[in-house]
C-alpha cells in the first residue's frame, strides 16, 4: 500500500520572488522620469530584465547607450544593494534598500549628462 501525504499549506506561491518592479516602485520611477523630462535632461527610457536584475534605463538619445540606470537587484548580497543607480560606465552612484530614499537622496540636479 502506498503512503499518501496531505499537503495543507503549500508555500509555492510564497517562495515565488518578485521578478519585476512592483506598482509603487514603478510609479516612483516614472514620477522622477516625468520631472526630468519636463526639465529637458532626459529624453527616452527603456526597461530591461535579467535573471539577477531589472533596470530602468534612461537615454539622452534613442540611439545611444543608457546614461543612467535605476536597478532592482533580485539577488542582493547585502540588504543595502537592493536598489542601485549606475552611470553609463557601470559605476555605482548610489545604493539603498528603499527606492524612495534612494531617489530622494540622489542629487538629480547635480548629475549632468555629458554629450
PDB file of N, CA and C in Angstrom:
ATOM      1  N   UNK A   1       0.837  -1.174   0.000  1.00  0.00           N
ATOM      2  CA  UNK A   1       0.000   0.000   0.000  1.00  0.00           C
ATOM      3  C   UNK A   1       0.888   1.246   0.000  1.00  0.00           C
ATOM      4  N   UNK A   2       0.532   2.246  -0.819  1.00  0.00           N
ATOM      5  CA  UNK A   2       1.298   3.489  -0.936  1.00  0.00           C
ATOM      6  C   UNK A   2       0.957   4.429   0.206  1.00  0.00           C
ATOM      7  N   UNK A   3       1.976   5.163   0.618  1.00  0.00           N
ATOM      8  CA  UNK A   3       1.747   6.173   1.650  1.00  0.00           C
ATOM      9  C   UNK A   3       1.309   7.463   0.972  1.00  0.00           C
ATOM     10  N   UNK A   4       0.265   8.047   1.448  1.00  0.00           N
ATOM     11  CA  UNK A   4      -0.256   9.297   0.902  1.00  0.00           C
ATOM     12  C   UNK A   4       0.031  10.434   1.876  1.00  0.00           C
ATOM     13  N   UNK A   5       0.368  11.574   1.308  1.00  0.00           N
ATOM     14  CA  UNK A   5       0.598  12.762   2.118  1.00  0.00           C
ATOM     15  C   UNK A   5      -0.458  13.794   1.790  1.00  0.00           C
ATOM     16  N   UNK A   6      -0.931  14.447   2.788  1.00  0.00           N
ATOM     17  CA  UNK A   6      -1.871  15.530   2.610  1.00  0.00           C
ATOM     18  C   UNK A   6      -1.106  16.845   2.782  1.00  0.00           C
ATOM     19  N   UNK A   7      -1.097  17.659   1.732  1.00  0.00           N
ATOM     20  CA  UNK A   7      -0.400  18.940   1.777  1.00  0.00           C
ATOM     21  C   UNK A   7      -1.434  20.018   2.075  1.00  0.00           C
ATOM     22  N   UNK A   8      -1.276  20.653   3.229  1.00  0.00           N
ATOM     23  CA  UNK A   8      -2.258  21.656   3.636  1.00  0.00           C
ATOM     24  C   UNK A   8      -1.770  23.058   3.307  1.00  0.00           C
ATOM     25  N   UNK A   9      -0.586  23.392   3.728  1.00  0.00           N
ATOM     26  CA  UNK A   9      -0.033  24.726   3.498  1.00  0.00           C
ATOM     27  C   UNK A   9       1.032  24.646   2.416  1.00  0.00           C
ATOM     28  N   UNK A  10       0.620  24.858   1.209  1.00  0.00           N
ATOM     29  CA  UNK A  10       1.549  24.827   0.089  1.00  0.00           C
ATOM     30  C   UNK A  10       2.179  26.212  -0.057  1.00  0.00           C
ATOM     31  N   UNK A  11       3.479  26.309   0.139  1.00  0.00           N
ATOM     32  CA  UNK A  11       4.182  27.590   0.136  1.00  0.00           C
ATOM     33  C   UNK A  11       4.832  27.919  -1.202  1.00  0.00           C
ATOM     34  N   UNK A  12       4.378  27.312  -2.266  1.00  0.00           N
ATOM     35  CA  UNK A  12       4.995  27.571  -3.569  1.00  0.00           C
ATOM     36  C   UNK A  12       4.802  29.032  -3.965  1.00  0.00           C
ATOM     37  N   UNK A  13       3.615  29.574  -3.774  1.00  0.00           N
ATOM     38  CA  UNK A  13       3.364  30.960  -4.142  1.00  0.00           C
ATOM     39  C   UNK A  13       4.128  31.930  -3.243  1.00  0.00           C
ATOM     40  N   UNK A  14       4.320  31.596  -1.978  1.00  0.00           N
ATOM     41  CA  UNK A  14       5.050  32.473  -1.064  1.00  0.00           C
ATOM     42  C   UNK A  14       6.528  32.531  -1.401  1.00  0.00           C
ATOM     43  N   UNK A  15       7.082  31.449  -1.910  1.00  0.00           N
ATOM     44  CA  UNK A  15       8.503  31.415  -2.251  1.00  0.00           C
ATOM     45  C   UNK A  15       8.807  32.089  -3.578  1.00  0.00           C
ATOM     46  N   UNK A  16       7.770  32.347  -4.357  1.00  0.00           N
ATOM     47  CA  UNK A  16       7.972  32.978  -5.653  1.00  0.00           C
ATOM     48  C   UNK A  16       8.425  34.425  -5.447  1.00  0.00           C
ATOM     49  N   UNK A  17       9.588  34.767  -5.970  1.00  0.00           N
ATOM     50  CA  UNK A  17      10.144  36.100  -5.766  1.00  0.00           C
ATOM     51  C   UNK A  17       9.580  37.067  -6.797  1.00  0.00           C
ATOM     52  N   UNK A  18       9.739  38.353  -6.480  1.00  0.00           N
ATOM     53  CA  UNK A  18       9.347  39.399  -7.411  1.00  0.00           C
ATOM     54  C   UNK A  18      10.277  39.333  -8.617  1.00  0.00           C
ATOM     55  N   UNK A  19       9.689  39.403  -9.802  1.00  0.00           N
ATOM     56  CA  UNK A  19      10.512  39.339 -10.999  1.00  0.00           C
ATOM     57  C   UNK A  19      10.456  40.636 -11.801  1.00  0.00           C
ATOM     58  N   UNK A  20       9.833  41.667 -11.247  1.00  0.00           N
ATOM     59  CA  UNK A  20       9.752  42.954 -11.915  1.00  0.00           C
ATOM     60  C   UNK A  20       9.550  44.026 -10.853  1.00  0.00           C
ATOM     61  N   UNK A  21       9.508  45.281 -11.258  1.00  0.00           N
ATOM     62  CA  UNK A  21       9.197  46.350 -10.325  1.00  0.00           C
ATOM     63  C   UNK A  21       7.744  46.210  -9.898  1.00  0.00           C
ATOM     64  N   UNK A  22       7.480  46.406  -8.611  1.00  0.00           N
ATOM     65  CA  UNK A  22       6.089  46.417  -8.182  1.00  0.00           C
ATOM     66  C   UNK A  22       5.497  47.780  -8.534  1.00  0.00           C
ATOM     67  N   UNK A  23       4.190  47.911  -8.401  1.00  0.00           N
ATOM     68  CA  UNK A  23       3.491  49.104  -8.866  1.00  0.00           C
ATOM     69  C   UNK A  23       4.005  50.390  -8.215  1.00  0.00           C
ATOM     70  N   UNK A  24       4.228  50.373  -6.904  1.00  0.00           N
ATOM     71  CA  UNK A  24       4.714  51.577  -6.204  1.00  0.00           C
ATOM     72  C   UNK A  24       6.108  51.969  -6.674  1.00  0.00           C
ATOM     73  N   UNK A  25       6.969  50.987  -6.898  1.00  0.00           N
ATOM     74  CA  UNK A  25       8.332  51.271  -7.356  1.00  0.00           C
ATOM     75  C   UNK A  25       8.316  51.885  -8.747  1.00  0.00           C
ATOM     76  N   UNK A  26       7.529  51.309  -9.633  1.00  0.00           N
ATOM     77  CA  UNK A  26       7.455  51.818 -10.999  1.00  0.00           C
ATOM     78  C   UNK A  26       6.835  53.210 -11.025  1.00  0.00           C
ATOM     79  N   UNK A  27       5.850  53.452 -10.167  1.00  0.00           N
ATOM     80  CA  UNK A  27       5.238  54.772 -10.084  1.00  0.00           C
ATOM     81  C   UNK A  27       6.246  55.817  -9.609  1.00  0.00           C
ATOM     82  N   UNK A  28       7.061  55.472  -8.644  1.00  0.00           N
ATOM     83  CA  UNK A  28       8.097  56.376  -8.142  1.00  0.00           C
ATOM     84  C   UNK A  28       9.105  56.707  -9.238  1.00  0.00           C
ATOM     85  N   UNK A  29       9.521  55.687  -9.968  1.00  0.00           N
ATOM     86  CA  UNK A  29      10.496  55.900 -11.049  1.00  0.00           C
ATOM     87  C   UNK A  29       9.899  56.745 -12.163  1.00  0.00           C
ATOM     88  N   UNK A  30       8.660  56.470 -12.537  1.00  0.00           N
ATOM     89  CA  UNK A  30       8.027  57.229 -13.620  1.00  0.00           C
ATOM     90  C   UNK A  30       7.741  58.675 -13.212  1.00  0.00           C
ATOM     91  N   UNK A  31       7.468  58.927 -11.931  1.00  0.00           N
ATOM     92  CA  UNK A  31       7.309  60.307 -11.463  1.00  0.00           C
ATOM     93  C   UNK A  31       8.620  61.066 -11.601  1.00  0.00           C
ATOM     94  N   UNK A  32       9.726  60.428 -11.243  1.00  0.00           N
ATOM     95  CA  UNK A  32      11.043  61.043 -11.422  1.00  0.00           C
ATOM     96  C   UNK A  32      11.323  61.274 -12.904  1.00  0.00           C
ATOM     97  N   UNK A  33      10.991  60.289 -13.733  1.00  0.00           N
ATOM     98  CA  UNK A  33      11.220  60.409 -15.175  1.00  0.00           C
ATOM     99  C   UNK A  33      10.436  61.594 -15.753  1.00  0.00           C
ATOM    100  N   UNK A  34       9.171  61.739 -15.343  1.00  0.00           N
ATOM    101  CA  UNK A  34       8.351  62.851 -15.846  1.00  0.00           C
ATOM    102  C   UNK A  34       8.946  64.197 -15.444  1.00  0.00           C
ATOM    103  N   UNK A  35       9.453  64.280 -14.219  1.00  0.00           N
ATOM    104  CA  UNK A  35      10.069  65.518 -13.736  1.00  0.00           C
ATOM    105  C   UNK A  35      11.320  65.852 -14.548  1.00  0.00           C
ATOM    106  N   UNK A  36      12.143  64.836 -14.823  1.00  0.00           N
ATOM    107  CA  UNK A  36      13.383  65.073 -15.547  1.00  0.00           C
ATOM    108  C   UNK A  36      13.131  65.347 -17.044  1.00  0.00           C
ATOM    109  N   UNK A  37      12.092  64.771 -17.604  1.00  0.00           N
ATOM    110  CA  UNK A  37      11.747  65.071 -18.996  1.00  0.00           C
ATOM    111  C   UNK A  37      11.265  66.511 -19.118  1.00  0.00           C
ATOM    112  N   UNK A  38      10.481  66.959 -18.136  1.00  0.00           N
ATOM    113  CA  UNK A  38       9.999  68.346 -18.179  1.00  0.00           C
ATOM    114  C   UNK A  38      11.157  69.332 -18.024  1.00  0.00           C
ATOM    115  N   UNK A  39      12.236  68.937 -17.328  1.00  0.00           N
ATOM    116  CA  UNK A  39      13.444  69.768 -17.241  1.00  0.00           C
ATOM    117  C   UNK A  39      14.227  69.768 -18.546  1.00  0.00           C
ATOM    118  N   UNK A  40      14.010  68.764 -19.369  1.00  0.00           N
ATOM    119  CA  UNK A  40      14.720  68.654 -20.634  1.00  0.00           C
ATOM    120  C   UNK A  40      16.011  67.860 -20.559  1.00  0.00           C
ATOM    121  N   UNK A  41      16.272  67.195 -19.427  1.00  0.00           N
ATOM    122  CA  UNK A  41      17.530  66.464 -19.288  1.00  0.00           C
ATOM    123  C   UNK A  41      17.431  65.026 -19.767  1.00  0.00           C
ATOM    124  N   UNK A  42      16.289  64.397 -19.610  1.00  0.00           N
ATOM    125  CA  UNK A  42      16.110  63.020 -20.071  1.00  0.00           C
ATOM    126  C   UNK A  42      15.192  63.006 -21.273  1.00  0.00           C
ATOM    127  N   UNK A  43      15.470  62.122 -22.222  1.00  0.00           N
ATOM    128  CA  UNK A  43      14.694  62.093 -23.459  1.00  0.00           C
ATOM    129  C   UNK A  43      13.897  60.803 -23.648  1.00  0.00           C
ATOM    130  N   UNK A  44      14.475  59.670 -23.296  1.00  0.00           N
ATOM    131  CA  UNK A  44      13.847  58.385 -23.591  1.00  0.00           C
ATOM    132  C   UNK A  44      14.193  57.399 -22.483  1.00  0.00           C
ATOM    133  N   UNK A  45      13.438  56.317 -22.401  1.00  0.00           N
ATOM    134  CA  UNK A  45      13.724  55.285 -21.409  1.00  0.00           C
ATOM    135  C   UNK A  45      13.472  53.907 -21.987  1.00  0.00           C
ATOM    136  N   UNK A  46      13.985  52.911 -21.313  1.00  0.00           N
ATOM    137  CA  UNK A  46      13.769  51.526 -21.685  1.00  0.00           C
ATOM    138  C   UNK A  46      13.828  50.657 -20.446  1.00  0.00           C
ATOM    139  N   UNK A  47      13.199  49.515 -20.505  1.00  0.00           N
ATOM    140  CA  UNK A  47      13.221  48.557 -19.402  1.00  0.00           C
ATOM    141  C   UNK A  47      13.949  47.313 -19.875  1.00  0.00           C
ATOM    142  N   UNK A  48      14.805  46.785 -19.026  1.00  0.00           N
ATOM    143  CA  UNK A  48      15.486  45.541 -19.369  1.00  0.00           C
ATOM    144  C   UNK A  48      15.452  44.616 -18.166  1.00  0.00           C
ATOM    145  N   UNK A  49      15.304  43.333 -18.453  1.00  0.00           N
ATOM    146  CA  UNK A  49      15.216  42.342 -17.383  1.00  0.00           C
ATOM    147  C   UNK A  49      16.286  41.285 -17.572  1.00  0.00           C
ATOM    148  N   UNK A  50      16.649  40.673 -16.468  1.00  0.00           N
ATOM    149  CA  UNK A  50      17.613  39.591 -16.475  1.00  0.00           C
ATOM    150  C   UNK A  50      17.335  38.679 -15.299  1.00  0.00           C
ATOM    151  N   UNK A  51      18.175  37.678 -15.118  1.00  0.00           N
ATOM    152  CA  UNK A  51      17.996  36.763 -14.001  1.00  0.00           C
ATOM    153  C   UNK A  51      18.350  37.402 -12.669  1.00  0.00           C
ATOM    154  N   UNK A  52      19.306  38.319 -12.677  1.00  0.00           N
ATOM    155  CA  UNK A  52      19.794  38.903 -11.431  1.00  0.00           C
ATOM    156  C   UNK A  52      19.275  40.304 -11.167  1.00  0.00           C
ATOM    157  N   UNK A  53      18.857  41.027 -12.224  1.00  0.00           N
ATOM    158  CA  UNK A  53      18.453  42.411 -12.028  1.00  0.00           C
ATOM    159  C   UNK A  53      17.440  42.853 -13.074  1.00  0.00           C
ATOM    160  N   UNK A  54      16.716  43.904 -12.695  1.00  0.00           N
ATOM    161  CA  UNK A  54      15.780  44.575 -13.581  1.00  0.00           C
ATOM    162  C   UNK A  54      16.210  46.030 -13.607  1.00  0.00           C
ATOM    163  N   UNK A  55      16.204  46.647 -14.767  1.00  0.00           N
ATOM    164  CA  UNK A  55      16.674  48.025 -14.813  1.00  0.00           C
ATOM    165  C   UNK A  55      15.754  48.920 -15.618  1.00  0.00           C
ATOM    166  N   UNK A  56      15.689  50.158 -15.171  1.00  0.00           N
ATOM    167  CA  UNK A  56      15.024  51.246 -15.868  1.00  0.00           C
ATOM    168  C   UNK A  56      16.144  52.095 -16.438  1.00  0.00           C
ATOM    169  N   UNK A  57      16.299  52.071 -17.747  1.00  0.00           N
ATOM    170  CA  UNK A  57      17.424  52.736 -18.410  1.00  0.00           C
ATOM    171  C   UNK A  57      16.979  54.076 -18.971  1.00  0.00           C
ATOM    172  N   UNK A  58      17.769  55.114 -18.712  1.00  0.00           N
ATOM    173  CA  UNK A  58      17.469  56.460 -19.178  1.00  0.00           C
ATOM    174  C   UNK A  58      18.446  56.816 -20.285  1.00  0.00           C
ATOM    175  N   UNK A  59      17.919  57.362 -21.376  1.00  0.00           N
ATOM    176  CA  UNK A  59      18.720  57.699 -22.543  1.00  0.00           C
ATOM    177  C   UNK A  59      18.684  59.201 -22.805  1.00  0.00           C
ATOM    178  N   UNK A  60      19.810  59.716 -23.302  1.00  0.00           N
ATOM    179  CA  UNK A  60      19.843  61.098 -23.789  1.00  0.00           C
ATOM    180  C   UNK A  60      19.266  61.144 -25.204  1.00  0.00           C
ATOM    181  N   UNK A  61      19.639  60.185 -26.013  1.00  0.00           N
ATOM    182  CA  UNK A  61      19.097  59.992 -27.360  1.00  0.00           C
ATOM    183  C   UNK A  61      18.755  58.518 -27.508  1.00  0.00           C
ATOM    184  N   UNK A  62      17.835  58.208 -28.381  1.00  0.00           N
ATOM    185  CA  UNK A  62      17.376  56.822 -28.514  1.00  0.00           C
ATOM    186  C   UNK A  62      18.455  55.902 -29.067  1.00  0.00           C
ATOM    187  N   UNK A  63      19.422  56.441 -29.797  1.00  0.00           N
ATOM    188  CA  UNK A  63      20.428  55.594 -30.418  1.00  0.00           C
ATOM    189  C   UNK A  63      21.629  55.318 -29.517  1.00  0.00           C
ATOM    190  N   UNK A  64      21.764  56.044 -28.425  1.00  0.00           N
ATOM    191  CA  UNK A  64      22.914  55.879 -27.529  1.00  0.00           C
ATOM    192  C   UNK A  64      22.678  54.773 -26.515  1.00  0.00           C
ATOM    193  N   UNK A  65      23.733  54.476 -25.755  1.00  0.00           N
ATOM    194  CA  UNK A  65      23.564  53.559 -24.625  1.00  0.00           C
ATOM    195  C   UNK A  65      23.024  54.358 -23.441  1.00  0.00           C
ATOM    196  N   UNK A  66      22.424  53.683 -22.455  1.00  0.00           N
ATOM    197  CA  UNK A  66      21.809  54.433 -21.347  1.00  0.00           C
ATOM    198  C   UNK A  66      22.837  55.223 -20.541  1.00  0.00           C
ATOM    199  N   UNK A  67      22.435  56.435 -20.148  1.00  0.00           N
ATOM    200  CA  UNK A  67      23.337  57.279 -19.372  1.00  0.00           C
ATOM    201  C   UNK A  67      23.137  57.071 -17.876  1.00  0.00           C
ATOM    202  N   UNK A  68      21.953  56.689 -17.469  1.00  0.00           N
ATOM    203  CA  UNK A  68      21.648  56.391 -16.063  1.00  0.00           C
ATOM    204  C   UNK A  68      20.801  55.120 -16.055  1.00  0.00           C
ATOM    205  N   UNK A  69      21.088  54.242 -15.091  1.00  0.00           N
ATOM    206  CA  UNK A  69      20.304  53.017 -14.924  1.00  0.00           C
ATOM    207  C   UNK A  69      19.848  52.918 -13.475  1.00  0.00           C
ATOM    208  N   UNK A  70      18.546  52.749 -13.274  1.00  0.00           N
ATOM    209  CA  UNK A  70      18.000  52.504 -11.944  1.00  0.00           C
ATOM    210  C   UNK A  70      17.714  51.013 -11.878  1.00  0.00           C
ATOM    211  N   UNK A  71      18.427  50.309 -11.012  1.00  0.00           N
ATOM    212  CA  UNK A  71      18.385  48.844 -10.978  1.00  0.00           C
ATOM    213  C   UNK A  71      17.700  48.327  -9.728  1.00  0.00           C
ATOM    214  N   UNK A  72      16.983  47.227  -9.910  1.00  0.00           N
ATOM    215  CA  UNK A  72      16.471  46.456  -8.780  1.00  0.00           C
ATOM    216  C   UNK A  72      17.208  45.128  -8.810  1.00  0.00           C
ATOM    217  N   UNK A  73      18.015  44.891  -7.802  1.00  0.00           N
ATOM    218  CA  UNK A  73      18.810  43.679  -7.705  1.00  0.00           C
ATOM    219  C   UNK A  73      17.942  42.569  -7.125  1.00  0.00           C
ATOM    220  N   UNK A  74      17.748  41.490  -7.869  1.00  0.00           N
ATOM    221  CA  UNK A  74      16.888  40.403  -7.414  1.00  0.00           C
ATOM    222  C   UNK A  74      17.586  39.478  -6.432  1.00  0.00           C
ATOM    223  N   UNK A  75      18.904  39.431  -6.469  1.00  0.00           N
ATOM    224  CA  UNK A  75      19.680  38.595  -5.555  1.00  0.00           C
ATOM    225  C   UNK A  75      20.785  39.414  -4.888  1.00  0.00           C
ATOM    226  N   UNK A  76      20.405  40.353  -4.012  1.00  0.00           N
ATOM    227  CA  UNK A  76      21.453  41.174  -3.392  1.00  0.00           C
ATOM    228  C   UNK A  76      22.247  40.397  -2.351  1.00  0.00           C
ATOM    229  N   UNK A  77      23.553  40.668  -2.305  1.00  0.00           N
ATOM    230  CA  UNK A  77      24.402  40.054  -1.282  1.00  0.00           C
ATOM    231  C   UNK A  77      24.165  40.715   0.064  1.00  0.00           C
ATOM    232  N   UNK A  78      23.934  42.026   0.035  1.00  0.00           N
ATOM    233  CA  UNK A  78      23.679  42.797   1.241  1.00  0.00           C
ATOM    234  C   UNK A  78      22.355  43.516   1.080  1.00  0.00           C
ATOM    235  N   UNK A  79      21.698  43.836   2.199  1.00  0.00           N
ATOM    236  CA  UNK A  79      20.368  44.439   2.148  1.00  0.00           C
ATOM    237  C   UNK A  79      20.379  45.801   1.472  1.00  0.00           C
ATOM    238  N   UNK A  80      21.479  46.568   1.617  1.00  0.00           N
ATOM    239  CA  UNK A  80      21.501  47.902   1.022  1.00  0.00           C
ATOM    240  C   UNK A  80      21.812  47.887  -0.471  1.00  0.00           C
ATOM    241  N   UNK A  81      21.957  46.727  -1.062  1.00  0.00           N
ATOM    242  CA  UNK A  81      22.209  46.626  -2.501  1.00  0.00           C
ATOM    243  C   UNK A  81      20.960  46.227  -3.287  1.00  0.00           C
ATOM    244  N   UNK A  82      19.770  46.412  -2.704  1.00  0.00           N
ATOM    245  CA  UNK A  82      18.554  46.023  -3.416  1.00  0.00           C
ATOM    246  C   UNK A  82      18.268  46.958  -4.584  1.00  0.00           C
ATOM    247  N   UNK A  83      18.459  48.264  -4.383  1.00  0.00           N
ATOM    248  CA  UNK A  83      18.256  49.244  -5.447  1.00  0.00           C
ATOM    249  C   UNK A  83      19.556  49.992  -5.673  1.00  0.00           C
ATOM    250  N   UNK A  84      19.923  50.163  -6.943  1.00  0.00           N
ATOM    251  CA  UNK A  84      21.175  50.817  -7.314  1.00  0.00           C
ATOM    252  C   UNK A  84      20.920  51.844  -8.402  1.00  0.00           C
ATOM    253  N   UNK A  85      21.755  52.862  -8.439  1.00  0.00           N
ATOM    254  CA  UNK A  85      21.785  53.790  -9.560  1.00  0.00           C
ATOM    255  C   UNK A  85      23.191  53.727 -10.122  1.00  0.00           C
ATOM    256  N   UNK A  86      23.281  53.430 -11.422  1.00  0.00           N
ATOM    257  CA  UNK A  86      24.584  53.326 -12.088  1.00  0.00           C
ATOM    258  C   UNK A  86      24.667  54.333 -13.223  1.00  0.00           C
ATOM    259  N   UNK A  87      25.886  54.780 -13.520  1.00  0.00           N
ATOM    260  CA  UNK A  87      26.092  55.667 -14.652  1.00  0.00           C
ATOM    261  C   UNK A  87      26.346  54.851 -15.914  1.00  0.00           C
ATOM    262  N   UNK A  88      26.683  55.527 -17.005  1.00  0.00           N
ATOM    263  CA  UNK A  88      26.841  54.829 -18.284  1.00  0.00           C
ATOM    264  C   UNK A  88      28.036  53.887 -18.325  1.00  0.00           C
ATOM    265  N   UNK A  89      29.003  54.087 -17.420  1.00  0.00           N
ATOM    266  CA  UNK A  89      30.169  53.210 -17.359  1.00  0.00           C
ATOM    267  C   UNK A  89      29.964  52.026 -16.421  1.00  0.00           C
ATOM    268  N   UNK A  90      28.818  51.961 -15.755  1.00  0.00           N
ATOM    269  CA  UNK A  90      28.545  50.877 -14.824  1.00  0.00           C
ATOM    270  C   UNK A  90      28.978  51.163 -13.403  1.00  0.00           C
ATOM    271  N   UNK A  91      29.452  52.382 -13.147  1.00  0.00           N
ATOM    272  CA  UNK A  91      29.882  52.763 -11.801  1.00  0.00           C
ATOM    273  C   UNK A  91      28.644  53.056 -10.947  1.00  0.00           C
ATOM    274  N   UNK A  92      28.650  52.533  -9.714  1.00  0.00           N
ATOM    275  CA  UNK A  92      27.522  52.731  -8.811  1.00  0.00           C
ATOM    276  C   UNK A  92      27.570  54.152  -8.251  1.00  0.00           C
ATOM    277  N   UNK A  93      26.513  54.913  -8.502  1.00  0.00           N
ATOM    278  CA  UNK A  93      26.409  56.272  -7.997  1.00  0.00           C
ATOM    279  C   UNK A  93      25.838  56.264  -6.584  1.00  0.00           C
ATOM    280  N   UNK A  94      24.794  55.466  -6.385  1.00  0.00           N
ATOM    281  CA  UNK A  94      24.110  55.415  -5.107  1.00  0.00           C
ATOM    282  C   UNK A  94      23.447  54.060  -4.953  1.00  0.00           C
ATOM    283  N   UNK A  95      23.233  53.633  -3.703  1.00  0.00           N
ATOM    284  CA  UNK A  95      22.546  52.364  -3.451  1.00  0.00           C
ATOM    285  C   UNK A  95      21.767  52.458  -2.153  1.00  0.00           C
ATOM    286  N   UNK A  96      20.674  51.697  -2.063  1.00  0.00           N
ATOM    287  CA  UNK A  96      19.847  51.724  -0.866  1.00  0.00           C
ATOM    288  C   UNK A  96      18.942  50.496  -0.863  1.00  0.00           C
ATOM    289  N   UNK A  97      18.325  50.242   0.286  1.00  0.00           N
ATOM    290  CA  UNK A  97      17.362  49.155   0.371  1.00  0.00           C
ATOM    291  C   UNK A  97      15.947  49.647   0.068  1.00  0.00           C
ATOM    292  N   UNK A  98      15.763  50.983   0.023  1.00  0.00           N
ATOM    293  CA  UNK A  98      14.461  51.579  -0.217  1.00  0.00           C
ATOM    294  C   UNK A  98      14.549  52.492  -1.433  1.00  0.00           C
ATOM    295  N   UNK A  99      13.689  52.287  -2.401  1.00  0.00           N
ATOM    296  CA  UNK A  99      13.739  53.059  -3.638  1.00  0.00           C
ATOM    297  C   UNK A  99      13.389  54.525  -3.407  1.00  0.00           C
ATOM    298  N   UNK A 100      12.406  54.812  -2.571  1.00  0.00           N
ATOM    299  CA  UNK A 100      12.036  56.205  -2.303  1.00  0.00           C
ATOM    300  C   UNK A 100      13.194  56.983  -1.689  1.00  0.00           C
ATOM    301  N   UNK A 101      13.887  56.381  -0.722  1.00  0.00           N
ATOM    302  CA  UNK A 101      15.035  57.038  -0.106  1.00  0.00           C
ATOM    303  C   UNK A 101      16.154  57.239  -1.122  1.00  0.00           C
ATOM    304  N   UNK A 102      16.347  56.252  -1.980  1.00  0.00           N
ATOM    305  CA  UNK A 102      17.394  56.331  -2.993  1.00  0.00           C
ATOM    306  C   UNK A 102      17.159  57.497  -3.945  1.00  0.00           C
ATOM    307  N   UNK A 103      15.931  57.650  -4.384  1.00  0.00           N
ATOM    308  CA  UNK A 103      15.615  58.711  -5.340  1.00  0.00           C
ATOM    309  C   UNK A 103      15.665  60.082  -4.678  1.00  0.00           C
ATOM    310  N   UNK A 104      15.205  60.171  -3.429  1.00  0.00           N
ATOM    311  CA  UNK A 104      15.213  61.480  -2.774  1.00  0.00           C
ATOM    312  C   UNK A 104      16.615  61.919  -2.346  1.00  0.00           C
ATOM    313  N   UNK A 105      17.478  60.987  -1.960  1.00  0.00           N
ATOM    314  CA  UNK A 105      18.816  61.397  -1.510  1.00  0.00           C
ATOM    315  C   UNK A 105      19.803  61.593  -2.650  1.00  0.00           C
ATOM    316  N   UNK A 106      19.451  61.194  -3.857  1.00  0.00           N
ATOM    317  CA  UNK A 106      20.318  61.413  -5.011  1.00  0.00           C
ATOM    318  C   UNK A 106      20.085  62.818  -5.536  1.00  0.00           C
ATOM    319  N   UNK A 107      21.140  63.572  -5.705  1.00  0.00           N
ATOM    320  CA  UNK A 107      21.037  64.934  -6.224  1.00  0.00           C
ATOM    321  C   UNK A 107      20.916  64.902  -7.740  1.00  0.00           C
ATOM    322  N   UNK A 108      19.702  64.870  -8.241  1.00  0.00           N
ATOM    323  CA  UNK A 108      19.486  64.741  -9.689  1.00  0.00           C
ATOM    324  C   UNK A 108      19.902  65.995 -10.434  1.00  0.00           C
ATOM    325  N   UNK A 109      19.802  67.140  -9.787  1.00  0.00           N
ATOM    326  CA  UNK A 109      20.215  68.380 -10.445  1.00  0.00           C
ATOM    327  C   UNK A 109      21.739  68.460 -10.565  1.00  0.00           C
ATOM    328  N   UNK A 110      22.452  67.788  -9.666  1.00  0.00           N
ATOM    329  CA  UNK A 110      23.919  67.788  -9.718  1.00  0.00           C
ATOM    330  C   UNK A 110      24.449  66.840 -10.784  1.00  0.00           C
ATOM    331  N   UNK A 111      23.652  65.827 -11.151  1.00  0.00           N
ATOM    332  CA  UNK A 111      24.082  64.897 -12.185  1.00  0.00           C
ATOM    333  C   UNK A 111      23.860  65.524 -13.548  1.00  0.00           C
ATOM    334  N   UNK A 112      24.912  65.753 -14.253  1.00  0.00           N
ATOM    335  CA  UNK A 112      24.843  66.334 -15.590  1.00  0.00           C
ATOM    336  C   UNK A 112      25.150  65.258 -16.615  1.00  0.00           C
ATOM    337  N   UNK A 113      24.356  65.217 -17.665  1.00  0.00           N
ATOM    338  CA  UNK A 113      24.588  64.255 -18.728  1.00  0.00           C
ATOM    339  C   UNK A 113      25.617  64.856 -19.681  1.00  0.00           C
ATOM    340  N   UNK A 114      26.705  64.150 -19.893  1.00  0.00           N
ATOM    341  CA  UNK A 114      27.790  64.619 -20.745  1.00  0.00           C
ATOM    342  C   UNK A 114      27.512  64.179 -22.174  1.00  0.00           C
ATOM    343  N   UNK A 115      27.600  65.112 -23.094  1.00  0.00           N
ATOM    344  CA  UNK A 115      27.352  64.788 -24.503  1.00  0.00           C
ATOM    345  C   UNK A 115      28.616  64.330 -25.173  1.00  0.00           C
TER     346      UNK A 115
END
